[in-house]
């Protein structure tokens, strides 16, 4: 029950974010905002949880779910994201997120 309440509060917080008057939505934000990882290996499920937690802090998950990046693209992108002052992503977390995104890109055939 606590997990449900915390999850609901997190969703409410993320959807109520005020991006300011100059905010222009990214076209990728309109697509699916989750990935069905039920058939993924356990390690990738764990990595997905880290990805969802950290990446949704700054932008909708749909942005990265719908980006069609290769593993090499994700490597460059992750380096940029961990340098952002408010990302809260350390090197270990970045490695897990990158591992998931690399796996996801391979599942998409990229």
C-alpha atoms as a PDB file:
ATOM      1  CA  UNK A   1       0.000   0.000   0.000  1.00  0.00           C
ATOM      2  CA  UNK A   2       2.846   2.398   0.841  1.00  0.00           C
ATOM      3  CA  UNK A   3       4.481   1.723  -2.533  1.00  0.00           C
ATOM      4  CA  UNK A   4       1.205   2.556  -4.279  1.00  0.00           C
ATOM      5  CA  UNK A   5       0.882   5.838  -2.383  1.00  0.00           C
ATOM      6  CA  UNK A   6       4.486   6.829  -3.003  1.00  0.00           C
ATOM      7  CA  UNK A   7       4.182   5.911  -6.696  1.00  0.00           C
ATOM      8  CA  UNK A   8       0.957   7.905  -7.009  1.00  0.00           C
ATOM      9  CA  UNK A   9       2.542  10.912  -5.329  1.00  0.00           C
ATOM     10  CA  UNK A  10       5.538  10.694  -7.671  1.00  0.00           C
ATOM     11  CA  UNK A  11       3.301  10.591 -10.745  1.00  0.00           C
ATOM     12  CA  UNK A  12       1.305  13.570  -9.466  1.00  0.00           C
ATOM     13  CA  UNK A  13       4.490  15.519  -8.791  1.00  0.00           C
ATOM     14  CA  UNK A  14       5.934  14.789 -12.219  1.00  0.00           C
ATOM     15  CA  UNK A  15       2.763  15.652 -14.096  1.00  0.00           C
ATOM     16  CA  UNK A  16       2.288  18.902 -12.179  1.00  0.00           C
ATOM     17  CA  UNK A  17       5.763  20.217 -12.992  1.00  0.00           C
ATOM     18  CA  UNK A  18       5.871  23.821 -14.170  1.00  0.00           C
ATOM     19  CA  UNK A  19       8.349  24.057 -17.032  1.00  0.00           C
ATOM     20  CA  UNK A  20       8.009  27.827 -17.414  1.00  0.00           C
ATOM     21  CA  UNK A  21       6.702  30.119 -20.163  1.00  0.00           C
ATOM     22  CA  UNK A  22       9.475  29.301 -22.651  1.00  0.00           C
ATOM     23  CA  UNK A  23       8.927  25.553 -22.476  1.00  0.00           C
ATOM     24  CA  UNK A  24       8.512  23.909 -25.869  1.00  0.00           C
ATOM     25  CA  UNK A  25       7.576  20.234 -25.736  1.00  0.00           C
ATOM     26  CA  UNK A  26       9.820  17.726 -27.414  1.00  0.00           C
ATOM     27  CA  UNK A  27       8.030  15.724 -30.131  1.00  0.00           C
ATOM     28  CA  UNK A  28       9.230  12.466 -28.538  1.00  0.00           C
ATOM     29  CA  UNK A  29       7.336  13.295 -25.345  1.00  0.00           C
ATOM     30  CA  UNK A  30       4.031  12.434 -27.023  1.00  0.00           C
ATOM     31  CA  UNK A  31       4.767   8.738 -27.467  1.00  0.00           C
ATOM     32  CA  UNK A  32       4.682   5.867 -24.995  1.00  0.00           C
ATOM     33  CA  UNK A  33       6.145   6.715 -21.610  1.00  0.00           C
ATOM     34  CA  UNK A  34       7.057   3.231 -20.418  1.00  0.00           C
ATOM     35  CA  UNK A  35       8.730   0.081 -21.653  1.00  0.00           C
ATOM     36  CA  UNK A  36       7.334  -3.374 -20.947  1.00  0.00           C
ATOM     37  CA  UNK A  37      10.363  -5.039 -19.396  1.00  0.00           C
ATOM     38  CA  UNK A  38       8.499  -8.108 -18.128  1.00  0.00           C
ATOM     39  CA  UNK A  39      10.388 -10.350 -20.577  1.00  0.00           C
ATOM     40  CA  UNK A  40      13.787  -8.726 -19.956  1.00  0.00           C
ATOM     41  CA  UNK A  41      16.559 -10.343 -17.889  1.00  0.00           C
ATOM     42  CA  UNK A  42      16.395  -9.548 -14.160  1.00  0.00           C
ATOM     43  CA  UNK A  43      19.458  -7.282 -14.306  1.00  0.00           C
ATOM     44  CA  UNK A  44      17.836  -5.215 -17.046  1.00  0.00           C
ATOM     45  CA  UNK A  45      14.641  -4.936 -14.991  1.00  0.00           C
ATOM     46  CA  UNK A  46      16.727  -3.533 -12.133  1.00  0.00           C
ATOM     47  CA  UNK A  47      18.540  -1.198 -14.514  1.00  0.00           C
ATOM     48  CA  UNK A  48      15.179  -0.056 -15.919  1.00  0.00           C
ATOM     49  CA  UNK A  49      14.038   0.913 -12.427  1.00  0.00           C
ATOM     50  CA  UNK A  50      17.170   3.071 -12.016  1.00  0.00           C
ATOM     51  CA  UNK A  51      16.633   4.581 -15.477  1.00  0.00           C
ATOM     52  CA  UNK A  52      12.967   5.366 -14.767  1.00  0.00           C
ATOM     53  CA  UNK A  53      13.747   6.924 -11.382  1.00  0.00           C
ATOM     54  CA  UNK A  54      16.651   9.105 -12.469  1.00  0.00           C
ATOM     55  CA  UNK A  55      15.635  10.106 -15.987  1.00  0.00           C
ATOM     56  CA  UNK A  56      12.057  11.073 -15.071  1.00  0.00           C
ATOM     57  CA  UNK A  57      13.507  13.585 -12.636  1.00  0.00           C
ATOM     58  CA  UNK A  58      14.312  15.977 -15.488  1.00  0.00           C
ATOM     59  CA  UNK A  59      12.073  15.012 -18.404  1.00  0.00           C
ATOM     60  CA  UNK A  60       9.235  12.655 -19.307  1.00  0.00           C
ATOM     61  CA  UNK A  61      10.410   9.084 -19.818  1.00  0.00           C
ATOM     62  CA  UNK A  62       8.668   9.179 -23.177  1.00  0.00           C
ATOM     63  CA  UNK A  63      11.546  11.317 -24.456  1.00  0.00           C
ATOM     64  CA  UNK A  64      14.106   8.561 -24.061  1.00  0.00           C
ATOM     65  CA  UNK A  65      11.652   5.701 -24.680  1.00  0.00           C
ATOM     66  CA  UNK A  66      10.882   7.168 -28.106  1.00  0.00           C
ATOM     67  CA  UNK A  67      14.406   8.294 -29.004  1.00  0.00           C
ATOM     68  CA  UNK A  68      15.895   5.942 -31.557  1.00  0.00           C
ATOM     69  CA  UNK A  69      19.495   6.135 -30.388  1.00  0.00           C
ATOM     70  CA  UNK A  70      22.191   3.545 -30.938  1.00  0.00           C
ATOM     71  CA  UNK A  71      24.358   2.350 -28.055  1.00  0.00           C
ATOM     72  CA  UNK A  72      27.028   4.841 -29.137  1.00  0.00           C
ATOM     73  CA  UNK A  73      24.475   7.669 -29.171  1.00  0.00           C
ATOM     74  CA  UNK A  74      23.370   6.730 -25.649  1.00  0.00           C
ATOM     75  CA  UNK A  75      26.970   6.718 -24.446  1.00  0.00           C
ATOM     76  CA  UNK A  76      27.455  10.329 -25.578  1.00  0.00           C
ATOM     77  CA  UNK A  77      24.045  11.342 -24.255  1.00  0.00           C
ATOM     78  CA  UNK A  78      24.647   9.807 -20.821  1.00  0.00           C
ATOM     79  CA  UNK A  79      27.909  11.726 -20.480  1.00  0.00           C
ATOM     80  CA  UNK A  80      25.963  14.942 -21.048  1.00  0.00           C
ATOM     81  CA  UNK A  81      23.223  13.985 -18.603  1.00  0.00           C
ATOM     82  CA  UNK A  82      25.504  13.148 -15.675  1.00  0.00           C
ATOM     83  CA  UNK A  83      27.186  16.551 -16.016  1.00  0.00           C
ATOM     84  CA  UNK A  84      23.884  18.371 -15.504  1.00  0.00           C
ATOM     85  CA  UNK A  85      23.961  19.971 -12.051  1.00  0.00           C
ATOM     86  CA  UNK A  86      20.614  18.613 -10.852  1.00  0.00           C
ATOM     87  CA  UNK A  87      20.721  15.166 -12.457  1.00  0.00           C
ATOM     88  CA  UNK A  88      21.768  13.411  -9.267  1.00  0.00           C
ATOM     89  CA  UNK A  89      23.260  10.619 -11.380  1.00  0.00           C
ATOM     90  CA  UNK A  90      26.581   9.265 -10.196  1.00  0.00           C
ATOM     91  CA  UNK A  91      28.980   7.166 -12.291  1.00  0.00           C
ATOM     92  CA  UNK A  92      27.664   3.827 -10.981  1.00  0.00           C
ATOM     93  CA  UNK A  93      24.058   4.783 -11.672  1.00  0.00           C
ATOM     94  CA  UNK A  94      25.010   6.119 -15.100  1.00  0.00           C
ATOM     95  CA  UNK A  95      26.628   2.781 -15.937  1.00  0.00           C
ATOM     96  CA  UNK A  96      23.410   0.939 -15.029  1.00  0.00           C
ATOM     97  CA  UNK A  97      21.258   3.365 -16.993  1.00  0.00           C
ATOM     98  CA  UNK A  98      23.578   3.121 -19.991  1.00  0.00           C
ATOM     99  CA  UNK A  99      23.548  -0.672 -19.786  1.00  0.00           C
ATOM    100  CA  UNK A 100      19.751  -0.618 -19.911  1.00  0.00           C
ATOM    101  CA  UNK A 101      19.600   1.873 -22.785  1.00  0.00           C
ATOM    102  CA  UNK A 102      22.191  -0.117 -24.732  1.00  0.00           C
ATOM    103  CA  UNK A 103      20.131  -3.271 -24.209  1.00  0.00           C
ATOM    104  CA  UNK A 104      16.938  -1.446 -25.220  1.00  0.00           C
ATOM    105  CA  UNK A 105      18.599  -0.126 -28.384  1.00  0.00           C
ATOM    106  CA  UNK A 106      19.677  -3.659 -29.281  1.00  0.00           C
ATOM    107  CA  UNK A 107      16.093  -4.912 -28.767  1.00  0.00           C
ATOM    108  CA  UNK A 108      14.974  -2.199 -31.215  1.00  0.00           C
ATOM    109  CA  UNK A 109      17.618  -3.316 -33.711  1.00  0.00           C
ATOM    110  CA  UNK A 110      19.571  -0.063 -33.531  1.00  0.00           C
END
